[in-house]
Amino acid sequence: MSYQIYDENGYVGDFATTKGLTDFMKWCESTDDVDLINFYKDGMYIYPEALKESLELYDPPVGDIKKTYDNFLDLLPKCKGIVIVSDGANDDLEEK
């Protein structure tokens, strides 16, 4: 399974695998940063710019966490209004 990033307009980009997301979110929780911990708890964040600024203060470990971190930094500037992690299963984007 993989996860994507969505914003107020819908799909933004591919984010991480299940393992990548799990490891990255555990790392976010370990930072003691309020923005990253709130993102870890909720799987969403309302201020993409603040989330990016918080992430840029840290140097994550190499490997999957670093790859997910780098990908997230690339996706965040594309987000408008909100950042949401989703598996895409209930994105309501299909035409009815």
N, C-alpha and C. Protein backbone atom coordinates (compact mmCIF):
# COMPACT_ATOMS: atom_id res chain seq x y z
N MET A 1 0.85 -1.17 0.00
CA MET A 1 0.00 0.00 0.00
C MET A 1 0.89 1.23 0.00
N SER A 2 0.41 2.27 -0.60
CA SER A 2 1.15 3.53 -0.60
C SER A 2 0.23 4.66 -0.16
N TYR A 3 0.84 5.75 0.21
CA TYR A 3 0.11 6.92 0.69
C TYR A 3 0.44 8.12 -0.18
N GLN A 4 -0.53 9.01 -0.26
CA GLN A 4 -0.39 10.21 -1.05
C GLN A 4 -0.64 11.43 -0.17
N ILE A 5 -0.23 12.57 -0.71
CA ILE A 5 -0.52 13.85 -0.07
C ILE A 5 -1.63 14.54 -0.85
N TYR A 6 -2.61 15.04 -0.12
CA TYR A 6 -3.71 15.82 -0.68
C TYR A 6 -3.72 17.19 -0.02
N ASP A 7 -4.32 18.14 -0.71
CA ASP A 7 -4.55 19.46 -0.12
C ASP A 7 -6.00 19.85 -0.36
N GLU A 8 -6.32 21.12 -0.22
CA GLU A 8 -7.72 21.54 -0.37
C GLU A 8 -8.23 21.35 -1.79
N ASN A 9 -7.33 21.19 -2.76
CA ASN A 9 -7.74 21.01 -4.15
C ASN A 9 -7.70 19.55 -4.59
N GLY A 10 -7.22 18.65 -3.73
CA GLY A 10 -7.14 17.24 -4.09
C GLY A 10 -5.72 16.71 -4.07
N TYR A 11 -5.47 15.74 -4.95
CA TYR A 11 -4.18 15.04 -5.01
C TYR A 11 -3.02 15.98 -5.30
N VAL A 12 -1.94 15.84 -4.50
CA VAL A 12 -0.72 16.63 -4.71
C VAL A 12 0.40 15.75 -5.24
N GLY A 13 0.57 14.56 -4.63
CA GLY A 13 1.64 13.66 -5.09
C GLY A 13 1.78 12.44 -4.22
N ASP A 14 2.54 11.47 -4.72
CA ASP A 14 2.82 10.26 -3.95
C ASP A 14 3.75 10.58 -2.81
N PHE A 15 3.47 9.99 -1.62
CA PHE A 15 4.22 10.34 -0.42
C PHE A 15 5.12 9.21 0.05
N ALA A 16 4.56 8.07 0.43
CA ALA A 16 5.38 7.02 1.05
C ALA A 16 4.68 5.67 0.99
N THR A 17 5.48 4.63 1.19
CA THR A 17 4.93 3.29 1.38
C THR A 17 4.41 3.20 2.82
N THR A 18 3.76 2.10 3.15
CA THR A 18 3.27 1.91 4.52
C THR A 18 4.43 1.95 5.50
N LYS A 19 5.51 1.23 5.22
CA LYS A 19 6.67 1.25 6.11
C LYS A 19 7.31 2.62 6.15
N GLY A 20 7.44 3.26 5.00
CA GLY A 20 8.03 4.60 4.96
C GLY A 20 7.23 5.59 5.78
N LEU A 21 5.90 5.52 5.66
CA LEU A 21 5.04 6.42 6.43
C LEU A 21 5.16 6.14 7.92
N THR A 22 5.13 4.86 8.30
CA THR A 22 5.23 4.49 9.72
C THR A 22 6.55 5.00 10.31
N ASP A 23 7.65 4.75 9.64
CA ASP A 23 8.96 5.18 10.13
C ASP A 23 9.06 6.70 10.19
N PHE A 24 8.56 7.37 9.17
CA PHE A 24 8.62 8.84 9.13
C PHE A 24 7.78 9.45 10.24
N MET A 25 6.58 8.93 10.45
CA MET A 25 5.72 9.48 11.49
C MET A 25 6.29 9.25 12.89
N LYS A 26 6.90 8.09 13.11
CA LYS A 26 7.57 7.84 14.40
C LYS A 26 8.71 8.83 14.59
N TRP A 27 9.44 9.10 13.52
CA TRP A 27 10.51 10.09 13.60
C TRP A 27 9.95 11.47 13.92
N CYS A 28 8.84 11.86 13.27
CA CYS A 28 8.21 13.16 13.57
C CYS A 28 7.86 13.26 15.04
N GLU A 29 7.31 12.20 15.59
CA GLU A 29 6.93 12.20 17.00
C GLU A 29 8.15 12.37 17.90
N SER A 30 9.28 11.83 17.50
CA SER A 30 10.48 11.88 18.32
C SER A 30 11.17 13.24 18.34
N THR A 31 10.74 14.16 17.47
CA THR A 31 11.43 15.45 17.37
C THR A 31 11.10 16.43 18.48
N ASP A 32 10.01 16.25 19.19
CA ASP A 32 9.53 17.20 20.20
C ASP A 32 9.12 18.55 19.60
N ASP A 33 8.89 18.59 18.30
CA ASP A 33 8.44 19.80 17.62
C ASP A 33 6.90 19.77 17.58
N VAL A 34 6.27 20.83 18.03
CA VAL A 34 4.80 20.87 18.13
C VAL A 34 4.14 20.63 16.77
N ASP A 35 4.62 21.28 15.72
CA ASP A 35 4.02 21.11 14.39
C ASP A 35 4.14 19.67 13.90
N LEU A 36 5.31 19.08 14.07
CA LEU A 36 5.53 17.71 13.59
C LEU A 36 4.77 16.69 14.42
N ILE A 37 4.68 16.92 15.72
CA ILE A 37 3.91 16.02 16.58
C ILE A 37 2.42 16.10 16.25
N ASN A 38 1.91 17.30 16.02
CA ASN A 38 0.50 17.44 15.63
C ASN A 38 0.23 16.75 14.30
N PHE A 39 1.17 16.86 13.36
CA PHE A 39 1.02 16.16 12.08
C PHE A 39 1.04 14.65 12.31
N TYR A 40 1.92 14.17 13.17
CA TYR A 40 1.98 12.75 13.51
C TYR A 40 0.64 12.28 14.09
N LYS A 41 0.08 13.04 15.00
CA LYS A 41 -1.17 12.64 15.67
C LYS A 41 -2.37 12.66 14.74
N ASP A 42 -2.44 13.67 13.87
CA ASP A 42 -3.64 13.89 13.06
C ASP A 42 -3.55 13.38 11.62
N GLY A 43 -2.34 13.24 11.07
CA GLY A 43 -2.19 12.87 9.66
C GLY A 43 -2.57 14.00 8.73
N MET A 44 -2.72 15.18 9.30
CA MET A 44 -3.03 16.37 8.50
C MET A 44 -2.51 17.60 9.22
N TYR A 45 -2.36 18.66 8.47
CA TYR A 45 -1.90 19.91 9.06
C TYR A 45 -2.44 21.07 8.23
N ILE A 46 -2.84 22.14 8.90
CA ILE A 46 -3.52 23.23 8.20
C ILE A 46 -2.56 24.25 7.58
N TYR A 47 -1.34 24.33 8.06
CA TYR A 47 -0.41 25.34 7.54
C TYR A 47 0.80 24.66 6.89
N PRO A 48 0.73 24.39 5.59
CA PRO A 48 1.84 23.70 4.92
C PRO A 48 3.18 24.41 5.09
N GLU A 49 3.18 25.74 5.05
CA GLU A 49 4.42 26.50 5.16
C GLU A 49 5.06 26.29 6.53
N ALA A 50 4.26 26.29 7.59
CA ALA A 50 4.77 26.08 8.95
C ALA A 50 5.33 24.67 9.11
N LEU A 51 4.66 23.71 8.51
CA LEU A 51 5.13 22.33 8.58
C LEU A 51 6.48 22.20 7.88
N LYS A 52 6.61 22.83 6.73
CA LYS A 52 7.89 22.80 5.98
C LYS A 52 8.99 23.47 6.79
N GLU A 53 8.70 24.62 7.39
CA GLU A 53 9.70 25.32 8.20
C GLU A 53 10.14 24.45 9.38
N SER A 54 9.21 23.77 10.01
CA SER A 54 9.56 22.88 11.13
C SER A 54 10.45 21.73 10.66
N LEU A 55 10.11 21.12 9.53
CA LEU A 55 10.91 20.01 9.01
C LEU A 55 12.33 20.44 8.69
N GLU A 56 12.47 21.65 8.15
CA GLU A 56 13.79 22.12 7.73
C GLU A 56 14.74 22.34 8.91
N LEU A 57 14.23 22.34 10.13
CA LEU A 57 15.07 22.51 11.31
C LEU A 57 15.79 21.22 11.70
N TYR A 58 15.42 20.11 11.06
CA TYR A 58 15.93 18.80 11.45
C TYR A 58 16.70 18.13 10.33
N ASP A 59 17.60 17.28 10.73
CA ASP A 59 18.36 16.45 9.80
C ASP A 59 18.01 15.01 10.10
N PRO A 60 17.09 14.42 9.34
CA PRO A 60 16.64 13.05 9.64
C PRO A 60 17.73 12.02 9.36
N PRO A 61 17.59 10.83 9.94
CA PRO A 61 18.55 9.76 9.66
C PRO A 61 18.50 9.33 8.20
N VAL A 62 19.57 8.76 7.73
CA VAL A 62 19.64 8.29 6.34
C VAL A 62 18.69 7.11 6.15
N GLY A 63 18.47 6.76 4.91
CA GLY A 63 17.61 5.63 4.59
C GLY A 63 16.20 6.06 4.22
N ASP A 64 15.23 5.20 4.54
CA ASP A 64 13.83 5.46 4.15
C ASP A 64 13.27 6.74 4.76
N ILE A 65 13.63 7.02 6.01
CA ILE A 65 13.12 8.24 6.64
C ILE A 65 13.62 9.47 5.88
N LYS A 66 14.88 9.48 5.52
CA LYS A 66 15.46 10.61 4.77
C LYS A 66 14.79 10.73 3.40
N LYS A 67 14.55 9.61 2.73
CA LYS A 67 13.89 9.66 1.42
C LYS A 67 12.47 10.23 1.54
N THR A 68 11.75 9.79 2.55
CA THR A 68 10.39 10.30 2.77
C THR A 68 10.43 11.77 3.13
N TYR A 69 11.37 12.16 3.97
CA TYR A 69 11.58 13.56 4.37
C TYR A 69 11.82 14.43 3.14
N ASP A 70 12.76 14.02 2.30
CA ASP A 70 13.09 14.80 1.10
C ASP A 70 11.89 14.91 0.17
N ASN A 71 11.16 13.81 0.00
CA ASN A 71 9.97 13.83 -0.84
C ASN A 71 8.92 14.79 -0.27
N PHE A 72 8.75 14.75 1.04
CA PHE A 72 7.77 15.62 1.69
C PHE A 72 8.14 17.09 1.50
N LEU A 73 9.43 17.41 1.63
CA LEU A 73 9.86 18.80 1.42
C LEU A 73 9.57 19.26 -0.01
N ASP A 74 9.62 18.34 -0.97
CA ASP A 74 9.29 18.67 -2.35
C ASP A 74 7.79 18.88 -2.54
N LEU A 75 6.97 18.10 -1.81
CA LEU A 75 5.52 18.18 -1.96
C LEU A 75 4.89 19.36 -1.21
N LEU A 76 5.42 19.70 -0.06
CA LEU A 76 4.79 20.73 0.78
C LEU A 76 4.58 22.08 0.08
N PRO A 77 5.54 22.59 -0.70
CA PRO A 77 5.29 23.87 -1.37
C PRO A 77 4.14 23.83 -2.38
N LYS A 78 3.77 22.64 -2.81
CA LYS A 78 2.67 22.49 -3.77
C LYS A 78 1.31 22.45 -3.08
N CYS A 79 1.31 22.29 -1.75
CA CYS A 79 0.05 22.17 -1.00
C CYS A 79 -0.58 23.54 -0.76
N LYS A 80 -1.89 23.58 -0.92
CA LYS A 80 -2.66 24.80 -0.68
C LYS A 80 -3.60 24.58 0.49
N GLY A 81 -3.43 25.35 1.54
CA GLY A 81 -4.38 25.39 2.64
C GLY A 81 -4.30 24.30 3.68
N ILE A 82 -4.02 23.07 3.26
CA ILE A 82 -3.99 21.95 4.20
C ILE A 82 -3.15 20.83 3.60
N VAL A 83 -2.55 20.03 4.48
CA VAL A 83 -1.77 18.87 4.08
C VAL A 83 -2.45 17.66 4.70
N ILE A 84 -2.80 16.68 3.86
CA ILE A 84 -3.48 15.48 4.35
C ILE A 84 -2.77 14.26 3.78
N VAL A 85 -2.47 13.29 4.66
CA VAL A 85 -1.94 12.00 4.22
C VAL A 85 -3.12 11.07 4.06
N SER A 86 -3.19 10.38 2.91
CA SER A 86 -4.30 9.47 2.64
C SER A 86 -3.81 8.29 1.82
N ASP A 87 -4.52 7.18 1.97
CA ASP A 87 -4.24 6.03 1.11
C ASP A 87 -5.01 6.15 -0.20
N GLY A 88 -5.82 7.21 -0.33
CA GLY A 88 -6.55 7.47 -1.57
C GLY A 88 -7.80 6.65 -1.74
N ALA A 89 -8.10 5.78 -0.79
CA ALA A 89 -9.25 4.88 -0.94
C ALA A 89 -10.58 5.63 -0.93
N ASN A 90 -10.68 6.72 -0.20
CA ASN A 90 -11.93 7.46 -0.10
C ASN A 90 -11.71 8.92 -0.47
N ASP A 91 -11.07 9.15 -1.58
CA ASP A 91 -10.72 10.53 -1.96
C ASP A 91 -11.86 11.28 -2.64
N ASP A 92 -12.96 10.62 -2.96
CA ASP A 92 -14.12 11.24 -3.59
C ASP A 92 -13.80 11.93 -4.90
N LEU A 93 -12.76 11.46 -5.59
CA LEU A 93 -12.39 12.10 -6.84
C LEU A 93 -12.96 11.40 -8.07
N GLU A 94 -13.55 10.25 -7.87
CA GLU A 94 -14.14 9.54 -9.00
C GLU A 94 -15.40 10.24 -9.47
N GLU A 95 -15.59 10.25 -10.78
CA GLU A 95 -16.82 10.82 -11.29
C GLU A 95 -17.97 9.90 -10.98
N LYS A 96 -19.11 10.47 -10.68
CA LYS A 96 -20.29 9.68 -10.33
C LYS A 96 -21.29 9.72 -11.44
